[in-house]
């Protein structure tokens, strides 16, 4: 297995976990994980296409990936409705 895949998976897991710590009532962990993965993939594609995103670490661009994960999570918070609270 490529070290880049392991680092990418760790970045996605950390991004999803940080989201659950910062906003625990915003949504489920699965939604946070999917948003983090989408942000990671989008940021990597952007960094590869434009050569912007900081220095590369192997095949990854960690600065661009963290920014992409944060942007996807914030966009998800803004667009997805908050879950209903039980009374």
PDB file of N, CA and C in Angstrom:
ATOM      1  N   UNK A   1       0.846  -1.171   0.000  1.00  0.00           N
ATOM      2  CA  UNK A   1       0.000   0.000   0.000  1.00  0.00           C
ATOM      3  C   UNK A   1       0.896   1.240   0.000  1.00  0.00           C
ATOM      4  N   UNK A   2       0.492   2.216  -0.773  1.00  0.00           N
ATOM      5  CA  UNK A   2       1.261   3.448  -0.900  1.00  0.00           C
ATOM      6  C   UNK A   2       1.161   4.291   0.373  1.00  0.00           C
ATOM      7  N   UNK A   3       2.268   4.877   0.801  1.00  0.00           N
ATOM      8  CA  UNK A   3       2.208   5.764   1.968  1.00  0.00           C
ATOM      9  C   UNK A   3       1.280   6.958   1.744  1.00  0.00           C
ATOM     10  N   UNK A   4       1.116   7.383   0.493  1.00  0.00           N
ATOM     11  CA  UNK A   4       0.218   8.501   0.204  1.00  0.00           C
ATOM     12  C   UNK A   4      -1.230   8.137   0.519  1.00  0.00           C
ATOM     13  N   UNK A   5      -1.612   6.894   0.267  1.00  0.00           N
ATOM     14  CA  UNK A   5      -2.974   6.468   0.594  1.00  0.00           C
ATOM     15  C   UNK A   5      -3.214   6.462   2.097  1.00  0.00           C
ATOM     16  N   UNK A   6      -2.206   6.036   2.842  1.00  0.00           N
ATOM     17  CA  UNK A   6      -2.334   6.017   4.305  1.00  0.00           C
ATOM     18  C   UNK A   6      -2.429   7.445   4.836  1.00  0.00           C
ATOM     19  N   UNK A   7      -1.581   8.344   4.341  1.00  0.00           N
ATOM     20  CA  UNK A   7      -1.630   9.734   4.769  1.00  0.00           C
ATOM     21  C   UNK A   7      -2.954  10.382   4.378  1.00  0.00           C
ATOM     22  N   UNK A   8      -3.434  10.095   3.189  1.00  0.00           N
ATOM     23  CA  UNK A   8      -4.721  10.632   2.750  1.00  0.00           C
ATOM     24  C   UNK A   8      -5.866  10.150   3.618  1.00  0.00           C
ATOM     25  N   UNK A   9      -5.852   8.865   3.942  1.00  0.00           N
ATOM     26  CA  UNK A   9      -6.906   8.320   4.807  1.00  0.00           C
ATOM     27  C   UNK A   9      -6.851   8.950   6.193  1.00  0.00           C
ATOM     28  N   UNK A  10      -5.652   9.162   6.710  1.00  0.00           N
ATOM     29  CA  UNK A  10      -5.509   9.812   8.017  1.00  0.00           C
ATOM     30  C   UNK A  10      -6.022  11.250   7.988  1.00  0.00           C
ATOM     31  N   UNK A  11      -5.732  11.975   6.915  1.00  0.00           N
ATOM     32  CA  UNK A  11      -6.223  13.350   6.807  1.00  0.00           C
ATOM     33  C   UNK A  11      -7.748  13.387   6.774  1.00  0.00           C
ATOM     34  N   UNK A  12      -8.361  12.465   6.058  1.00  0.00           N
ATOM     35  CA  UNK A  12      -9.824  12.416   5.982  1.00  0.00           C
ATOM     36  C   UNK A  12     -10.412  12.062   7.345  1.00  0.00           C
ATOM     37  N   UNK A  13      -9.844  11.074   8.013  1.00  0.00           N
ATOM     38  CA  UNK A  13     -10.354  10.686   9.333  1.00  0.00           C
ATOM     39  C   UNK A  13     -10.188  11.808  10.358  1.00  0.00           C
ATOM     40  N   UNK A  14      -9.049  12.481  10.329  1.00  0.00           N
ATOM     41  CA  UNK A  14      -8.822  13.588  11.260  1.00  0.00           C
ATOM     42  C   UNK A  14      -9.779  14.730  10.955  1.00  0.00           C
ATOM     43  N   UNK A  15      -9.973  15.033   9.675  1.00  0.00           N
ATOM     44  CA  UNK A  15     -10.904  16.096   9.297  1.00  0.00           C
ATOM     45  C   UNK A  15     -12.324  15.814   9.750  1.00  0.00           C
ATOM     46  N   UNK A  16     -12.770  14.587   9.582  1.00  0.00           N
ATOM     47  CA  UNK A  16     -14.122  14.223  10.026  1.00  0.00           C
ATOM     48  C   UNK A  16     -14.229  14.271  11.545  1.00  0.00           C
ATOM     49  N   UNK A  17     -13.196  13.833  12.240  1.00  0.00           N
ATOM     50  CA  UNK A  17     -13.235  13.833  13.707  1.00  0.00           C
ATOM     51  C   UNK A  17     -13.202  15.251  14.267  1.00  0.00           C
ATOM     52  N   UNK A  18     -12.409  16.118  13.671  1.00  0.00           N
ATOM     53  CA  UNK A  18     -12.370  17.510  14.117  1.00  0.00           C
ATOM     54  C   UNK A  18     -13.742  18.152  13.937  1.00  0.00           C
ATOM     55  N   UNK A  19     -14.394  17.843  12.842  1.00  0.00           N
ATOM     56  CA  UNK A  19     -15.739  18.370  12.617  1.00  0.00           C
ATOM     57  C   UNK A  19     -16.697  17.905  13.699  1.00  0.00           C
ATOM     58  N   UNK A  20     -16.625  16.655  14.081  1.00  0.00           N
ATOM     59  CA  UNK A  20     -17.521  16.132  15.124  1.00  0.00           C
ATOM     60  C   UNK A  20     -17.202  16.741  16.487  1.00  0.00           C
ATOM     61  N   UNK A  21     -15.949  17.101  16.732  1.00  0.00           N
ATOM     62  CA  UNK A  21     -15.585  17.728  18.005  1.00  0.00           C
ATOM     63  C   UNK A  21     -16.053  19.186  18.033  1.00  0.00           C
ATOM     64  N   UNK A  22     -15.856  19.899  16.931  1.00  0.00           N
ATOM     65  CA  UNK A  22     -16.203  21.311  16.869  1.00  0.00           C
ATOM     66  C   UNK A  22     -17.719  21.517  16.854  1.00  0.00           C
ATOM     67  N   UNK A  23     -18.442  20.707  16.085  1.00  0.00           N
ATOM     68  CA  UNK A  23     -19.899  20.858  15.956  1.00  0.00           C
ATOM     69  C   UNK A  23     -20.564  19.491  16.126  1.00  0.00           C
ATOM     70  N   UNK A  24     -20.687  19.006  17.354  1.00  0.00           N
ATOM     71  CA  UNK A  24     -21.193  17.647  17.554  1.00  0.00           C
ATOM     72  C   UNK A  24     -22.653  17.447  17.172  1.00  0.00           C
ATOM     73  N   UNK A  25     -23.457  18.482  17.186  1.00  0.00           N
ATOM     74  CA  UNK A  25     -24.877  18.328  16.880  1.00  0.00           C
ATOM     75  C   UNK A  25     -25.214  18.676  15.445  1.00  0.00           C
ATOM     76  N   UNK A  26     -24.219  18.943  14.629  1.00  0.00           N
ATOM     77  CA  UNK A  26     -24.470  19.388  13.271  1.00  0.00           C
ATOM     78  C   UNK A  26     -24.950  18.266  12.357  1.00  0.00           C
ATOM     79  N   UNK A  27     -24.511  17.065  12.546  1.00  0.00           N
ATOM     80  CA  UNK A  27     -24.911  15.967  11.681  1.00  0.00           C
ATOM     81  C   UNK A  27     -24.237  14.686  12.107  1.00  0.00           C
ATOM     82  N   UNK A  28     -24.427  13.663  11.332  1.00  0.00           N
ATOM     83  CA  UNK A  28     -23.854  12.366  11.683  1.00  0.00           C
ATOM     84  C   UNK A  28     -22.380  12.298  11.276  1.00  0.00           C
ATOM     85  N   UNK A  29     -21.693  11.327  11.838  1.00  0.00           N
ATOM     86  CA  UNK A  29     -20.279  11.132  11.516  1.00  0.00           C
ATOM     87  C   UNK A  29     -20.114  10.713  10.060  1.00  0.00           C
ATOM     88  N   UNK A  30     -21.068   9.971   9.550  1.00  0.00           N
ATOM     89  CA  UNK A  30     -20.986   9.515   8.154  1.00  0.00           C
ATOM     90  C   UNK A  30     -20.999  10.707   7.210  1.00  0.00           C
ATOM     91  N   UNK A  31     -21.863  11.682   7.480  1.00  0.00           N
ATOM     92  CA  UNK A  31     -21.918  12.876   6.644  1.00  0.00           C
ATOM     93  C   UNK A  31     -20.604  13.645   6.743  1.00  0.00           C
ATOM     94  N   UNK A  32     -20.063  13.785   7.933  1.00  0.00           N
ATOM     95  CA  UNK A  32     -18.787  14.473   8.112  1.00  0.00           C
ATOM     96  C   UNK A  32     -17.674  13.739   7.372  1.00  0.00           C
ATOM     97  N   UNK A  33     -17.686  12.424   7.415  1.00  0.00           N
ATOM     98  CA  UNK A  33     -16.673  11.626   6.726  1.00  0.00           C
ATOM     99  C   UNK A  33     -16.777  11.792   5.206  1.00  0.00           C
ATOM    100  N   UNK A  34     -17.997  11.748   4.685  1.00  0.00           N
ATOM    101  CA  UNK A  34     -18.199  11.898   3.238  1.00  0.00           C
ATOM    102  C   UNK A  34     -17.764  13.287   2.781  1.00  0.00           C
ATOM    103  N   UNK A  35     -18.111  14.314   3.548  1.00  0.00           N
ATOM    104  CA  UNK A  35     -17.688  15.674   3.205  1.00  0.00           C
ATOM    105  C   UNK A  35     -16.164  15.806   3.255  1.00  0.00           C
ATOM    106  N   UNK A  36     -15.535  15.213   4.242  1.00  0.00           N
ATOM    107  CA  UNK A  36     -14.075  15.265   4.340  1.00  0.00           C
ATOM    108  C   UNK A  36     -13.423  14.551   3.160  1.00  0.00           C
ATOM    109  N   UNK A  37     -13.951  13.406   2.785  1.00  0.00           N
ATOM    110  CA  UNK A  37     -13.399  12.670   1.642  1.00  0.00           C
ATOM    111  C   UNK A  37     -13.583  13.456   0.348  1.00  0.00           C
ATOM    112  N   UNK A  38     -14.744  14.065   0.173  1.00  0.00           N
ATOM    113  CA  UNK A  38     -14.994  14.861  -1.032  1.00  0.00           C
ATOM    114  C   UNK A  38     -14.065  16.072  -1.082  1.00  0.00           C
ATOM    115  N   UNK A  39     -13.868  16.722   0.055  1.00  0.00           N
ATOM    116  CA  UNK A  39     -12.954  17.859   0.102  1.00  0.00           C
ATOM    117  C   UNK A  39     -11.519  17.459  -0.191  1.00  0.00           C
ATOM    118  N   UNK A  40     -11.122  16.312   0.314  1.00  0.00           N
ATOM    119  CA  UNK A  40      -9.770  15.804   0.077  1.00  0.00           C
ATOM    120  C   UNK A  40      -9.542  15.541  -1.415  1.00  0.00           C
ATOM    121  N   UNK A  41     -10.480  14.849  -2.032  1.00  0.00           N
ATOM    122  CA  UNK A  41     -10.341  14.519  -3.457  1.00  0.00           C
ATOM    123  C   UNK A  41     -10.357  15.787  -4.309  1.00  0.00           C
ATOM    124  N   UNK A  42     -11.271  16.701  -4.010  1.00  0.00           N
ATOM    125  CA  UNK A  42     -11.342  17.946  -4.774  1.00  0.00           C
ATOM    126  C   UNK A  42     -10.064  18.766  -4.624  1.00  0.00           C
ATOM    127  N   UNK A  43      -9.536  18.840  -3.414  1.00  0.00           N
ATOM    128  CA  UNK A  43      -8.313  19.605  -3.186  1.00  0.00           C
ATOM    129  C   UNK A  43      -7.118  18.973  -3.891  1.00  0.00           C
ATOM    130  N   UNK A  44      -7.034  17.664  -3.880  1.00  0.00           N
ATOM    131  CA  UNK A  44      -5.931  16.992  -4.579  1.00  0.00           C
ATOM    132  C   UNK A  44      -6.023  17.224  -6.083  1.00  0.00           C
ATOM    133  N   UNK A  45      -7.214  17.106  -6.638  1.00  0.00           N
ATOM    134  CA  UNK A  45      -7.374  17.339  -8.075  1.00  0.00           C
ATOM    135  C   UNK A  45      -7.029  18.783  -8.429  1.00  0.00           C
ATOM    136  N   UNK A  46      -7.440  19.724  -7.584  1.00  0.00           N
ATOM    137  CA  UNK A  46      -7.122  21.128  -7.812  1.00  0.00           C
ATOM    138  C   UNK A  46      -5.611  21.362  -7.721  1.00  0.00           C
ATOM    139  N   UNK A  47      -4.971  20.802  -6.711  1.00  0.00           N
ATOM    140  CA  UNK A  47      -3.532  20.991  -6.528  1.00  0.00           C
ATOM    141  C   UNK A  47      -2.742  20.373  -7.677  1.00  0.00           C
ATOM    142  N   UNK A  48      -3.178  19.231  -8.161  1.00  0.00           N
ATOM    143  CA  UNK A  48      -2.483  18.580  -9.282  1.00  0.00           C
ATOM    144  C   UNK A  48      -2.664  19.371 -10.564  1.00  0.00           C
ATOM    145  N   UNK A  49      -3.887  19.871 -10.793  1.00  0.00           N
ATOM    146  CA  UNK A  49      -4.179  20.582 -12.033  1.00  0.00           C
ATOM    147  C   UNK A  49      -3.508  21.950 -12.100  1.00  0.00           C
ATOM    148  N   UNK A  50      -3.427  22.648 -10.967  1.00  0.00           N
ATOM    149  CA  UNK A  50      -2.925  24.027 -10.984  1.00  0.00           C
ATOM    150  C   UNK A  50      -1.523  24.178 -10.417  1.00  0.00           C
ATOM    151  N   UNK A  51      -0.984  23.141  -9.817  1.00  0.00           N
ATOM    152  CA  UNK A  51       0.327  23.194  -9.160  1.00  0.00           C
ATOM    153  C   UNK A  51       0.344  24.220  -8.030  1.00  0.00           C
ATOM    154  N   UNK A  52      -0.832  24.491  -7.447  1.00  0.00           N
ATOM    155  CA  UNK A  52      -0.966  25.382  -6.298  1.00  0.00           C
ATOM    156  C   UNK A  52      -1.380  24.525  -5.115  1.00  0.00           C
ATOM    157  N   UNK A  53      -0.879  24.803  -3.975  1.00  0.00           N
ATOM    158  CA  UNK A  53      -1.294  24.044  -2.806  1.00  0.00           C
ATOM    159  C   UNK A  53      -0.153  23.710  -1.887  1.00  0.00           C
ATOM    160  N   UNK A  54       0.925  24.427  -2.018  1.00  0.00           N
ATOM    161  CA  UNK A  54       2.038  24.186  -1.125  1.00  0.00           C
ATOM    162  C   UNK A  54       2.931  23.075  -1.632  1.00  0.00           C
ATOM    163  N   UNK A  55       3.983  22.814  -0.884  1.00  0.00           N
ATOM    164  CA  UNK A  55       4.913  21.764  -1.309  1.00  0.00           C
ATOM    165  C   UNK A  55       4.264  20.392  -1.242  1.00  0.00           C
ATOM    166  N   UNK A  56       4.629  19.555  -2.167  1.00  0.00           N
ATOM    167  CA  UNK A  56       4.100  18.207  -2.186  1.00  0.00           C
ATOM    168  C   UNK A  56       4.827  17.314  -1.198  1.00  0.00           C
ATOM    169  N   UNK A  57       4.091  16.419  -0.594  1.00  0.00           N
ATOM    170  CA  UNK A  57       4.670  15.424   0.297  1.00  0.00           C
ATOM    171  C   UNK A  57       4.428  14.081  -0.377  1.00  0.00           C
ATOM    172  N   UNK A  58       5.407  13.641  -1.132  1.00  0.00           N
ATOM    173  CA  UNK A  58       5.197  12.455  -1.938  1.00  0.00           C
ATOM    174  C   UNK A  58       4.222  12.797  -3.050  1.00  0.00           C
ATOM    175  N   UNK A  59       3.108  12.098  -3.080  1.00  0.00           N
ATOM    176  CA  UNK A  59       2.100  12.337  -4.104  1.00  0.00           C
ATOM    177  C   UNK A  59       0.999  13.262  -3.624  1.00  0.00           C
ATOM    178  N   UNK A  60       1.056  13.702  -2.367  1.00  0.00           N
ATOM    179  CA  UNK A  60      -0.014  14.525  -1.800  1.00  0.00           C
ATOM    180  C   UNK A  60       0.424  15.964  -1.586  1.00  0.00           C
ATOM    181  N   UNK A  61      -0.554  16.832  -1.417  1.00  0.00           N
ATOM    182  CA  UNK A  61      -0.334  18.239  -1.087  1.00  0.00           C
ATOM    183  C   UNK A  61      -1.106  18.516   0.198  1.00  0.00           C
ATOM    184  N   UNK A  62      -0.505  18.274   1.363  1.00  0.00           N
ATOM    185  CA  UNK A  62      -1.238  18.332   2.626  1.00  0.00           C
ATOM    186  C   UNK A  62      -1.893  19.676   2.927  1.00  0.00           C
ATOM    187  N   UNK A  63      -1.240  20.788   2.586  1.00  0.00           N
ATOM    188  CA  UNK A  63      -1.837  22.095   2.861  1.00  0.00           C
ATOM    189  C   UNK A  63      -3.116  22.287   2.049  1.00  0.00           C
ATOM    190  N   UNK A  64      -3.074  21.924   0.782  1.00  0.00           N
ATOM    191  CA  UNK A  64      -4.268  22.029  -0.050  1.00  0.00           C
ATOM    192  C   UNK A  64      -5.342  21.070   0.438  1.00  0.00           C
ATOM    193  N   UNK A  65      -4.946  19.892   0.891  1.00  0.00           N
ATOM    194  CA  UNK A  65      -5.915  18.905   1.365  1.00  0.00           C
ATOM    195  C   UNK A  65      -6.642  19.383   2.612  1.00  0.00           C
ATOM    196  N   UNK A  66      -5.905  19.951   3.544  1.00  0.00           N
ATOM    197  CA  UNK A  66      -6.531  20.460   4.768  1.00  0.00           C
ATOM    198  C   UNK A  66      -7.480  21.603   4.431  1.00  0.00           C
ATOM    199  N   UNK A  67      -7.070  22.485   3.530  1.00  0.00           N
ATOM    200  CA  UNK A  67      -7.939  23.587   3.121  1.00  0.00           C
ATOM    201  C   UNK A  67      -9.183  23.064   2.409  1.00  0.00           C
ATOM    202  N   UNK A  68      -9.024  22.050   1.573  1.00  0.00           N
ATOM    203  CA  UNK A  68     -10.169  21.471   0.863  1.00  0.00           C
ATOM    204  C   UNK A  68     -11.140  20.779   1.801  1.00  0.00           C
ATOM    205  N   UNK A  69     -10.620  20.062   2.786  1.00  0.00           N
ATOM    206  CA  UNK A  69     -11.477  19.399   3.766  1.00  0.00           C
ATOM    207  C   UNK A  69     -12.251  20.435   4.574  1.00  0.00           C
ATOM    208  N   UNK A  70     -11.561  21.493   5.009  1.00  0.00           N
ATOM    209  CA  UNK A  70     -12.235  22.545   5.780  1.00  0.00           C
ATOM    210  C   UNK A  70     -13.308  23.230   4.945  1.00  0.00           C
ATOM    211  N   UNK A  71     -13.011  23.505   3.689  1.00  0.00           N
ATOM    212  CA  UNK A  71     -13.994  24.159   2.820  1.00  0.00           C
ATOM    213  C   UNK A  71     -15.208  23.261   2.598  1.00  0.00           C
ATOM    214  N   UNK A  72     -14.991  21.973   2.384  1.00  0.00           N
ATOM    215  CA  UNK A  72     -16.112  21.058   2.173  1.00  0.00           C
ATOM    216  C   UNK A  72     -16.969  20.922   3.427  1.00  0.00           C
ATOM    217  N   UNK A  73     -16.339  20.875   4.582  1.00  0.00           N
ATOM    218  CA  UNK A  73     -17.096  20.779   5.834  1.00  0.00           C
ATOM    219  C   UNK A  73     -17.917  22.048   6.065  1.00  0.00           C
ATOM    220  N   UNK A  74     -17.330  23.210   5.838  1.00  0.00           N
ATOM    221  CA  UNK A  74     -18.062  24.465   6.012  1.00  0.00           C
ATOM    222  C   UNK A  74     -19.208  24.582   5.012  1.00  0.00           C
ATOM    223  N   UNK A  75     -18.972  24.173   3.787  1.00  0.00           N
ATOM    224  CA  UNK A  75     -20.026  24.186   2.778  1.00  0.00           C
ATOM    225  C   UNK A  75     -21.143  23.219   3.163  1.00  0.00           C
ATOM    226  N   UNK A  76     -20.776  22.075   3.702  1.00  0.00           N
ATOM    227  CA  UNK A  76     -21.776  21.110   4.160  1.00  0.00           C
ATOM    228  C   UNK A  76     -22.607  21.651   5.303  1.00  0.00           C
ATOM    229  N   UNK A  77     -21.972  22.361   6.247  1.00  0.00           N
ATOM    230  CA  UNK A  77     -22.705  22.983   7.359  1.00  0.00           C
ATOM    231  C   UNK A  77     -23.698  24.010   6.824  1.00  0.00           C
ATOM    232  N   UNK A  78     -23.267  24.777   5.803  1.00  0.00           N
ATOM    233  CA  UNK A  78     -24.109  25.846   5.282  1.00  0.00           C
ATOM    234  C   UNK A  78     -25.291  25.308   4.463  1.00  0.00           C
ATOM    235  N   UNK A  79     -25.086  24.233   3.721  1.00  0.00           N
ATOM    236  CA  UNK A  79     -26.120  23.752   2.810  1.00  0.00           C
ATOM    237  C   UNK A  79     -27.018  22.669   3.390  1.00  0.00           C
ATOM    238  N   UNK A  80     -26.474  21.831   4.253  1.00  0.00           N
ATOM    239  CA  UNK A  80     -27.274  20.732   4.789  1.00  0.00           C
ATOM    240  C   UNK A  80     -28.034  21.194   6.035  1.00  0.00           C
ATOM    241  N   UNK A  81     -29.283  20.839   6.125  1.00  0.00           N
ATOM    242  CA  UNK A  81     -30.040  21.252   7.324  1.00  0.00           C
ATOM    243  C   UNK A  81     -29.552  20.495   8.548  1.00  0.00           C
ATOM    244  N   UNK A  82     -29.646  21.154   9.692  1.00  0.00           N
ATOM    245  CA  UNK A  82     -29.273  20.504  10.938  1.00  0.00           C
ATOM    246  C   UNK A  82     -30.318  19.439  11.271  1.00  0.00           C
ATOM    247  N   UNK A  83     -29.892  18.346  11.889  1.00  0.00           N
ATOM    248  CA  UNK A  83     -30.869  17.305  12.239  1.00  0.00           C
ATOM    249  C   UNK A  83     -31.850  17.815  13.299  1.00  0.00           C
ATOM    250  N   UNK A  84     -33.063  17.278  13.255  1.00  0.00           N
ATOM    251  CA  UNK A  84     -34.085  17.670  14.225  1.00  0.00           C
ATOM    252  C   UNK A  84     -33.748  17.089  15.590  1.00  0.00           C
ATOM    253  N   UNK A  85     -34.015  17.881  16.589  1.00  0.00           N
ATOM    254  CA  UNK A  85     -33.763  17.449  17.966  1.00  0.00           C
ATOM    255  C   UNK A  85     -35.014  16.767  18.519  1.00  0.00           C
ATOM    256  N   UNK A  86     -34.809  15.684  19.225  1.00  0.00           N
ATOM    257  CA  UNK A  86     -35.931  15.011  19.882  1.00  0.00           C
ATOM    258  C   UNK A  86     -36.301  15.767  21.149  1.00  0.00           C
ATOM    259  N   UNK A  87     -37.573  15.816  21.426  1.00  0.00           N
ATOM    260  CA  UNK A  87     -38.021  16.484  22.634  1.00  0.00           C
ATOM    261  C   UNK A  87     -38.307  15.505  23.732  1.00  0.00           C
TER     262      UNK A  87
END
